[in-house]
N, C-alpha and C. Protein backbone atom coordinates (compact mmCIF):
# COMPACT_ATOMS: atom_id res chain seq x y z
N MET A 1 71.85 81.40 99.88
CA MET A 1 72.33 83.04 99.76
C MET A 1 73.05 82.82 101.05
N PRO A 2 74.02 83.84 100.24
CA PRO A 2 75.07 84.37 101.16
C PRO A 2 74.99 84.46 102.64
N LYS A 3 75.80 84.43 103.28
CA LYS A 3 76.42 84.50 104.58
C LYS A 3 77.41 84.89 105.26
N PRO A 4 77.35 86.13 106.17
CA PRO A 4 78.90 86.56 106.48
C PRO A 4 79.29 85.80 107.60
N TYR A 5 80.54 86.01 107.26
CA TYR A 5 81.52 85.08 108.54
C TYR A 5 83.00 85.93 108.74
N SER A 6 83.54 85.90 109.60
CA SER A 6 84.59 86.51 109.89
C SER A 6 85.29 85.74 111.07
N LEU A 7 86.74 85.79 111.69
CA LEU A 7 87.53 85.18 112.21
C LEU A 7 88.87 86.10 112.28
N GLN A 8 89.17 86.22 113.63
CA GLN A 8 90.29 86.49 114.28
C GLN A 8 90.89 85.97 115.31
N VAL A 9 92.48 86.55 115.28
CA VAL A 9 93.54 85.77 115.57
C VAL A 9 94.51 86.81 116.20
N SER A 10 94.71 86.80 117.70
CA SER A 10 95.39 88.09 117.98
C SER A 10 96.79 86.70 118.69
N GLU A 11 98.19 88.21 118.84
CA GLU A 11 99.36 87.40 119.19
C GLU A 11 100.20 88.64 119.88
N ASP A 12 100.63 88.97 120.93
CA ASP A 12 101.57 89.76 121.55
C ASP A 12 103.23 89.63 121.36
N ILE A 13 103.56 90.49 120.47
CA ILE A 13 104.97 90.32 120.02
C ILE A 13 105.25 91.44 121.09
N ASN A 14 107.13 90.89 121.85
CA ASN A 14 107.45 92.03 122.27
C ASN A 14 109.09 92.65 121.18
N ALA A 15 108.20 93.63 120.61
CA ALA A 15 108.89 94.36 119.99
C ALA A 15 108.14 96.15 119.93
N PRO A 16 108.18 97.01 119.11
CA PRO A 16 107.72 98.15 119.25
C PRO A 16 106.97 98.49 118.20
N ILE A 17 105.95 99.03 117.81
CA ILE A 17 104.96 98.67 117.12
C ILE A 17 105.22 98.97 115.69
N ASP A 18 106.07 100.42 116.08
CA ASP A 18 106.61 100.65 114.67
C ASP A 18 107.40 99.32 113.91
N THR A 19 108.10 98.79 114.44
CA THR A 19 108.90 97.35 113.58
C THR A 19 107.61 96.53 113.34
N VAL A 20 106.75 96.28 114.15
CA VAL A 20 105.57 95.25 113.41
C VAL A 20 105.32 95.75 112.50
N PHE A 21 104.82 97.03 112.61
CA PHE A 21 103.89 97.47 111.71
C PHE A 21 105.22 97.72 110.31
N ASP A 22 106.10 97.69 110.11
CA ASP A 22 107.17 97.82 109.35
C ASP A 22 107.33 96.44 108.46
N VAL A 23 107.21 95.69 109.18
CA VAL A 23 107.49 94.13 108.53
C VAL A 23 106.06 93.29 107.64
N LEU A 24 104.73 93.93 108.61
CA LEU A 24 103.59 93.84 108.27
C LEU A 24 103.28 94.33 106.84
N ASN A 25 103.80 95.56 106.72
CA ASN A 25 103.50 96.68 105.86
C ASN A 25 104.21 96.25 104.00
N ASP A 26 105.40 95.38 104.61
CA ASP A 26 106.38 95.05 103.63
C ASP A 26 106.02 93.70 102.93
N LEU A 27 105.22 93.58 101.33
CA LEU A 27 104.93 91.76 100.96
C LEU A 27 106.33 91.23 101.27
N ASN A 28 107.67 91.99 100.77
CA ASN A 28 108.51 90.63 100.55
C ASN A 28 108.86 89.93 102.01
N GLN A 29 108.38 90.70 102.99
CA GLN A 29 108.63 89.78 104.01
C GLN A 29 107.69 88.98 104.65
N LEU A 30 106.71 88.67 103.59
CA LEU A 30 105.46 88.08 103.99
C LEU A 30 105.74 86.49 103.81
N GLU A 31 106.35 86.00 103.31
CA GLU A 31 106.67 84.41 102.86
C GLU A 31 107.39 83.96 104.04
N ALA A 32 107.94 85.13 104.91
CA ALA A 32 109.23 84.07 105.74
C ALA A 32 108.59 84.29 107.15
N TRP A 33 106.67 84.73 106.97
CA TRP A 33 106.05 84.15 108.43
C TRP A 33 105.03 83.61 108.21
N SER A 34 104.33 83.96 106.89
CA SER A 34 103.41 83.30 106.34
C SER A 34 102.79 81.71 106.41
N PRO A 35 101.78 81.33 107.18
CA PRO A 35 101.82 79.88 106.99
C PRO A 35 101.31 79.23 106.01
N PHE A 36 100.97 80.21 104.77
CA PHE A 36 100.60 79.16 103.29
C PHE A 36 101.68 79.22 103.00
N SER A 37 102.79 79.39 102.76
CA SER A 37 103.88 79.00 102.01
C SER A 37 104.35 77.95 102.29
N ALA A 38 104.47 77.84 103.73
CA ALA A 38 105.07 76.31 104.35
C ALA A 38 104.11 75.31 103.93
N MET A 39 102.67 75.63 103.69
CA MET A 39 101.47 74.59 103.33
C MET A 39 101.90 74.11 102.01
N ASP A 40 102.42 74.98 101.21
CA ASP A 40 102.09 74.07 99.41
C ASP A 40 104.04 74.41 98.91
N PRO A 41 104.73 73.62 98.77
CA PRO A 41 106.26 73.47 98.32
C PRO A 41 106.15 74.11 96.81
N SER A 42 104.89 73.84 96.49
CA SER A 42 104.63 74.28 94.76
C SER A 42 104.07 75.84 94.30
N LEU A 43 104.16 76.21 95.91
CA LEU A 43 103.71 78.13 95.65
C LEU A 43 104.77 78.34 94.70
N VAL A 44 104.02 79.79 94.03
CA VAL A 44 104.67 80.73 93.33
C VAL A 44 104.24 81.90 93.53
N SER A 45 104.80 82.88 93.54
CA SER A 45 104.44 84.35 94.31
C SER A 45 104.83 85.41 93.39
N THR A 46 104.32 86.34 93.15
CA THR A 46 104.80 87.45 92.48
C THR A 46 104.39 88.74 93.36
N ILE A 47 105.42 89.68 93.77
CA ILE A 47 104.89 90.62 94.47
C ILE A 47 105.13 92.06 93.66
N SER A 48 104.23 93.19 93.84
CA SER A 48 104.21 94.00 93.22
C SER A 48 105.59 95.14 93.35
N THR A 49 105.74 96.05 92.95
CA THR A 49 106.89 96.83 93.01
C THR A 49 105.90 98.24 93.05
N PRO A 50 106.09 99.23 93.81
CA PRO A 50 106.43 98.67 95.22
C PRO A 50 105.77 97.63 96.33
N ALA A 51 106.54 97.13 97.08
CA ALA A 51 105.94 96.25 97.48
C ALA A 51 105.16 96.64 98.84
N SER A 52 105.42 97.76 99.20
CA SER A 52 104.93 98.21 100.22
C SER A 52 103.59 99.39 100.01
N GLY A 53 102.50 99.55 101.21
CA GLY A 53 102.01 100.78 101.18
C GLY A 53 100.63 99.99 100.19
N VAL A 54 99.60 101.39 100.39
CA VAL A 54 98.25 101.11 99.17
C VAL A 54 98.52 100.88 97.73
N GLY A 55 97.65 100.07 97.31
CA GLY A 55 98.08 99.36 95.69
C GLY A 55 99.09 98.55 95.87
N SER A 56 99.85 97.77 96.81
CA SER A 56 100.88 96.63 96.21
C SER A 56 99.84 95.47 96.68
N VAL A 57 100.45 94.60 95.50
CA VAL A 57 99.87 93.26 95.39
C VAL A 57 101.02 92.08 96.05
N TYR A 58 100.04 91.18 96.55
CA TYR A 58 101.10 89.76 96.32
C TYR A 58 100.20 88.91 95.77
N SER A 59 100.69 88.20 94.62
CA SER A 59 99.56 86.99 94.27
C SER A 59 100.18 85.45 94.09
N TRP A 60 99.59 84.44 94.13
CA TRP A 60 100.17 83.04 94.22
C TRP A 60 99.40 82.09 93.60
N LYS A 61 99.92 81.36 93.57
CA LYS A 61 99.45 80.27 92.59
C LYS A 61 100.19 78.62 93.15
N GLY A 62 99.32 78.01 93.64
CA GLY A 62 99.90 76.37 94.07
C GLY A 62 99.35 75.46 93.98
N LYS A 63 99.39 74.38 93.79
CA LYS A 63 98.48 73.28 93.87
C LYS A 63 97.90 72.90 95.13
N ARG A 64 98.28 72.86 96.25
CA ARG A 64 97.34 72.66 97.12
C ARG A 64 96.51 74.15 97.59
N ILE A 65 97.05 75.18 97.79
CA ILE A 65 96.36 76.31 98.36
C ILE A 65 95.92 77.00 97.00
N GLY A 66 95.90 76.63 96.03
CA GLY A 66 94.99 77.27 94.43
C GLY A 66 95.94 78.66 94.07
N SER A 67 95.03 79.53 93.88
CA SER A 67 95.52 80.85 93.16
C SER A 67 94.55 82.32 93.61
N GLY A 68 95.09 83.15 93.88
CA GLY A 68 94.67 84.32 94.32
C GLY A 68 95.24 85.38 94.50
N SER A 69 94.99 86.44 94.86
CA SER A 69 95.50 87.64 95.10
C SER A 69 95.45 88.58 96.44
N MET A 70 95.84 89.62 96.94
CA MET A 70 95.88 90.23 97.93
C MET A 70 96.78 91.95 97.60
N THR A 71 95.59 92.73 97.43
CA THR A 71 95.98 94.22 97.14
C THR A 71 95.68 94.88 98.52
N MET A 72 96.66 95.81 98.92
CA MET A 72 97.01 96.30 100.05
C MET A 72 95.77 97.88 99.88
N THR A 73 94.73 97.76 100.68
CA THR A 73 93.66 99.10 100.53
C THR A 73 94.17 100.12 101.37
N VAL A 74 94.40 99.68 102.57
CA VAL A 74 94.23 100.63 103.79
C VAL A 74 96.03 100.19 104.52
N CYS A 75 96.99 101.47 104.50
CA CYS A 75 97.90 101.22 105.45
C CYS A 75 98.44 102.56 106.12
N THR A 76 97.65 102.56 107.34
CA THR A 76 97.78 103.89 107.57
C THR A 76 98.38 103.55 109.70
N LYS A 77 98.82 104.85 110.17
CA LYS A 77 99.18 104.61 111.10
C LYS A 77 98.15 105.51 112.01
N PRO A 78 97.56 105.48 113.16
CA PRO A 78 97.65 104.36 113.79
C PRO A 78 96.81 103.06 113.32
N TYR A 79 98.24 102.23 112.88
CA TYR A 79 97.95 100.94 112.39
C TYR A 79 97.31 100.32 112.44
N LYS A 80 97.16 100.13 111.22
CA LYS A 80 95.77 99.43 110.60
C LYS A 80 96.52 99.15 108.86
N ILE A 81 96.14 97.83 108.58
CA ILE A 81 96.95 97.29 107.10
C ILE A 81 95.77 96.52 106.56
N ALA A 82 95.13 96.78 105.49
CA ALA A 82 94.08 95.93 105.12
C ALA A 82 94.26 95.32 103.81
N PHE A 83 93.92 94.55 103.16
CA PHE A 83 93.79 93.87 102.15
C PHE A 83 92.38 93.63 101.31
N ASP A 84 92.01 93.92 100.05
CA ASP A 84 91.05 93.09 99.46
C ASP A 84 91.89 91.84 98.99
N MET A 85 90.95 90.65 99.21
CA MET A 85 91.39 89.40 98.98
C MET A 85 90.86 89.09 97.78
N ASP A 86 91.03 88.15 97.16
CA ASP A 86 90.48 87.40 95.98
C ASP A 86 90.87 85.53 95.47
N PHE A 87 90.10 85.18 96.10
CA PHE A 87 90.51 83.82 95.93
C PHE A 87 90.29 83.30 94.74
N ASN A 88 91.13 82.68 94.06
CA ASN A 88 90.70 82.24 92.43
C ASN A 88 89.89 82.72 91.36
N GLY A 89 89.10 83.58 91.83
CA GLY A 89 89.09 84.91 90.61
C GLY A 89 87.68 84.50 91.29
N LYS A 90 87.33 83.65 92.28
CA LYS A 90 85.75 83.74 92.55
C LYS A 90 84.84 83.92 94.07
N ASP A 91 85.94 83.99 94.94
CA ASP A 91 85.31 84.21 95.85
C ASP A 91 86.55 85.53 96.71
N LYS A 92 85.87 86.60 97.33
CA LYS A 92 86.20 87.68 97.64
C LYS A 92 86.41 87.57 99.47
N ALA A 93 87.09 88.68 99.61
CA ALA A 93 87.02 88.66 101.37
C ALA A 93 88.08 89.96 101.60
N LEU A 94 88.00 90.04 103.08
CA LEU A 94 88.54 91.31 103.49
C LEU A 94 89.64 90.79 104.24
N SER A 95 90.68 91.27 104.32
CA SER A 95 91.89 90.86 105.68
C SER A 95 92.53 92.05 106.40
N GLU A 96 92.41 91.83 107.40
CA GLU A 96 93.10 92.86 108.13
C GLU A 96 94.03 92.65 109.07
N TYR A 97 95.24 93.77 109.07
CA TYR A 97 96.35 93.28 110.59
C TYR A 97 95.88 94.93 110.97
N LEU A 98 95.31 94.44 112.84
CA LEU A 98 95.02 95.72 113.37
C LEU A 98 96.15 95.80 114.39
N ILE A 99 96.83 96.57 114.64
CA ILE A 99 97.95 96.64 115.49
C ILE A 99 97.76 97.50 116.38
N THR A 100 98.27 97.25 117.94
CA THR A 100 98.04 98.52 119.30
C THR A 100 99.27 97.88 120.05
N GLU A 101 99.69 98.77 120.84
CA GLU A 101 101.20 98.89 121.79
C GLU A 101 100.72 98.86 123.07
N THR A 102 100.47 97.99 124.09
CA THR A 102 100.64 98.49 125.43
C THR A 102 101.74 98.16 126.45
N ASP A 103 102.42 99.06 126.83
CA ASP A 103 103.52 98.73 127.71
C ASP A 103 104.62 98.59 127.04
N GLY A 104 104.84 98.55 125.97
CA GLY A 104 106.18 97.87 125.18
C GLY A 104 105.61 96.71 124.55
N VAL A 105 104.48 96.04 124.09
CA VAL A 105 104.40 95.04 123.67
C VAL A 105 103.30 95.05 122.64
N THR A 106 103.54 94.61 121.68
CA THR A 106 102.59 94.99 120.48
C THR A 106 101.64 94.01 119.94
N THR A 107 100.73 94.13 119.81
CA THR A 107 99.49 93.11 119.74
C THR A 107 99.35 93.12 118.20
N VAL A 108 98.90 91.82 117.64
CA VAL A 108 98.58 91.89 116.12
C VAL A 108 97.15 91.12 116.29
N THR A 109 96.16 91.96 115.52
CA THR A 109 95.03 91.09 115.69
C THR A 109 94.84 90.88 114.15
N TRP A 110 94.56 89.63 113.69
CA TRP A 110 94.29 89.15 112.08
C TRP A 110 93.41 88.96 111.89
N PHE A 111 92.48 89.30 111.17
CA PHE A 111 90.92 89.55 110.65
C PHE A 111 91.03 89.02 109.05
N LEU A 112 89.69 88.19 109.36
CA LEU A 112 89.46 87.96 107.76
C LEU A 112 87.83 87.78 108.00
N GLY A 113 87.01 88.35 106.74
CA GLY A 113 85.42 88.03 106.59
C GLY A 113 85.69 88.42 105.02
N GLY A 114 84.15 87.72 105.10
CA GLY A 114 83.38 88.01 104.47
C GLY A 114 82.23 87.43 104.38
N GLU A 115 81.68 87.10 102.93
CA GLU A 115 80.42 86.31 102.41
C GLU A 115 80.48 84.94 101.88
N ARG A 116 79.45 84.03 102.40
CA ARG A 116 80.36 82.70 102.13
C ARG A 116 78.46 82.44 100.66
N GLY A 117 78.71 81.88 99.82
CA GLY A 117 77.53 81.22 99.38
C GLY A 117 77.24 79.80 99.93
N PHE A 118 76.51 78.83 99.14
CA PHE A 118 76.10 77.87 99.08
C PHE A 118 77.24 76.94 99.75
N GLY A 119 77.96 76.68 98.77
CA GLY A 119 79.11 75.90 98.53
C GLY A 119 80.22 76.10 99.72
N GLY A 120 80.87 77.53 100.05
CA GLY A 120 81.17 77.89 100.61
C GLY A 120 80.94 77.29 102.37
N GLN A 121 79.75 77.58 102.40
CA GLN A 121 78.88 77.25 103.61
C GLN A 121 79.06 75.64 104.17
N LEU A 122 78.82 74.91 102.79
CA LEU A 122 78.94 73.71 102.97
C LEU A 122 80.05 73.20 103.32
N MET A 123 81.41 73.61 102.55
CA MET A 123 82.51 73.34 102.76
C MET A 123 83.07 73.48 104.27
N ASN A 124 82.83 74.96 104.99
CA ASN A 124 82.87 75.15 106.26
C ASN A 124 82.33 73.84 107.35
N ALA A 125 80.95 73.54 107.20
CA ALA A 125 80.52 72.92 107.64
C ALA A 125 81.35 70.98 107.59
N LEU A 126 81.47 70.75 106.56
CA LEU A 126 82.20 69.60 106.40
C LEU A 126 83.37 69.62 106.44
N PHE A 127 84.65 70.94 106.43
CA PHE A 127 85.87 70.58 106.57
C PHE A 127 86.17 71.52 107.82
N LYS A 128 85.09 72.36 108.21
CA LYS A 128 85.37 73.13 109.41
C LYS A 128 86.80 74.04 109.16
N PHE A 129 86.37 74.91 107.93
CA PHE A 129 87.25 76.04 107.37
C PHE A 129 87.83 76.75 108.38
N ASP A 130 86.57 77.36 109.19
CA ASP A 130 87.21 78.40 110.08
C ASP A 130 87.75 77.93 111.26
N LYS A 131 87.55 76.84 111.46
CA LYS A 131 88.69 76.52 112.83
C LYS A 131 90.05 76.32 112.64
N MET A 132 90.32 75.71 110.95
CA MET A 132 91.11 75.85 109.97
C MET A 132 92.48 76.96 109.94
N MET A 133 91.46 77.40 109.65
CA MET A 133 92.20 78.96 108.96
C MET A 133 92.48 79.92 110.39
N ALA A 134 91.44 79.89 111.43
CA ALA A 134 92.24 80.31 112.82
C ALA A 134 93.37 79.42 113.12
N LYS A 135 93.54 78.30 112.94
CA LYS A 135 94.94 77.75 113.59
C LYS A 135 96.28 77.91 112.46
N ASN A 136 95.75 78.02 111.31
CA ASN A 136 96.80 78.82 110.31
C ASN A 136 97.16 80.50 111.02
N PHE A 137 96.24 81.02 110.81
CA PHE A 137 96.52 82.28 111.25
C PHE A 137 97.38 82.55 112.77
N ALA A 138 96.99 81.72 113.37
CA ALA A 138 97.85 81.23 115.14
C ALA A 138 99.16 80.78 114.59
N ASP A 139 98.91 79.73 113.88
CA ASP A 139 100.77 79.80 113.08
C ASP A 139 101.92 80.70 112.50
N GLY A 140 100.96 81.46 111.69
CA GLY A 140 101.40 82.36 111.12
C GLY A 140 101.91 83.60 111.83
N LEU A 141 101.05 83.90 112.81
CA LEU A 141 101.48 85.06 113.82
C LEU A 141 102.14 84.82 114.79
N GLY A 142 102.44 83.47 115.46
CA GLY A 142 103.37 82.64 116.08
C GLY A 142 105.24 82.76 115.27
N SER A 143 104.77 82.48 113.97
CA SER A 143 105.78 82.71 113.01
C SER A 143 106.64 84.04 113.23
N LEU A 144 105.51 85.01 112.80
CA LEU A 144 105.67 86.57 112.86
C LEU A 144 106.59 87.25 113.93
N LYS A 145 106.28 86.30 115.01
CA LYS A 145 106.74 86.94 116.62
C LYS A 145 108.19 86.54 116.80
N LYS A 146 108.07 85.49 116.54
CA LYS A 146 109.56 84.62 116.49
C LYS A 146 110.01 85.37 115.61
N LEU A 147 109.97 85.79 114.16
CA LEU A 147 110.60 86.51 113.28
C LEU A 147 111.14 87.59 113.88
N ILE A 148 110.31 88.49 114.38
CA ILE A 148 110.42 89.60 114.89
C ILE A 148 111.13 89.83 116.34
N GLU A 149 111.02 89.30 116.86
CA GLU A 149 111.72 88.84 118.27
C GLU A 149 113.29 88.44 118.07
N ALA A 150 113.54 87.75 117.01
CA ALA A 150 114.75 87.37 116.80
C ALA A 150 115.53 88.41 116.08
N GLN A 151 114.97 89.32 115.45
CA GLN A 151 115.45 90.70 114.94
C GLN A 151 116.42 91.60 115.86
N GLY A 152 115.38 91.64 117.07
CA GLY A 152 115.87 92.11 117.95
C GLY A 152 116.99 92.02 119.13
N LYS A 153 117.08 91.03 119.15
CA LYS A 153 117.80 90.26 119.75
C LYS A 153 119.63 90.31 119.18
């Protein structure tokens, strides 16, 4: 029986909220900070035209990370970007960036959620998938922070 799962990681970025939003909205900039690009040197990706806004798509295929796609379904201010995720044509998930600003500091929260069947539950139990993904998300948001803060200098 499928069971729901979710994880989220947040990072503070010293940049205006619109700057952060614009980088996250532009799929052409994804590989500059995504942790998954560095994990698989065989990665081949395709980005739709247009590369931003609702309906834009990022697809990937790699030996280590498999194949899949993410289709932007929400791109709104106040500051939420959401994707329907499709992993290898089998598993589906929802991924979101929630973006807030307080006193000039922008916080990005990266969320992933969905349902796991028995196989996914077993993989999580054996390989600590959620813990690994949370670390990947933290690494990615750290790279996003460095990228954006370097642009502001």
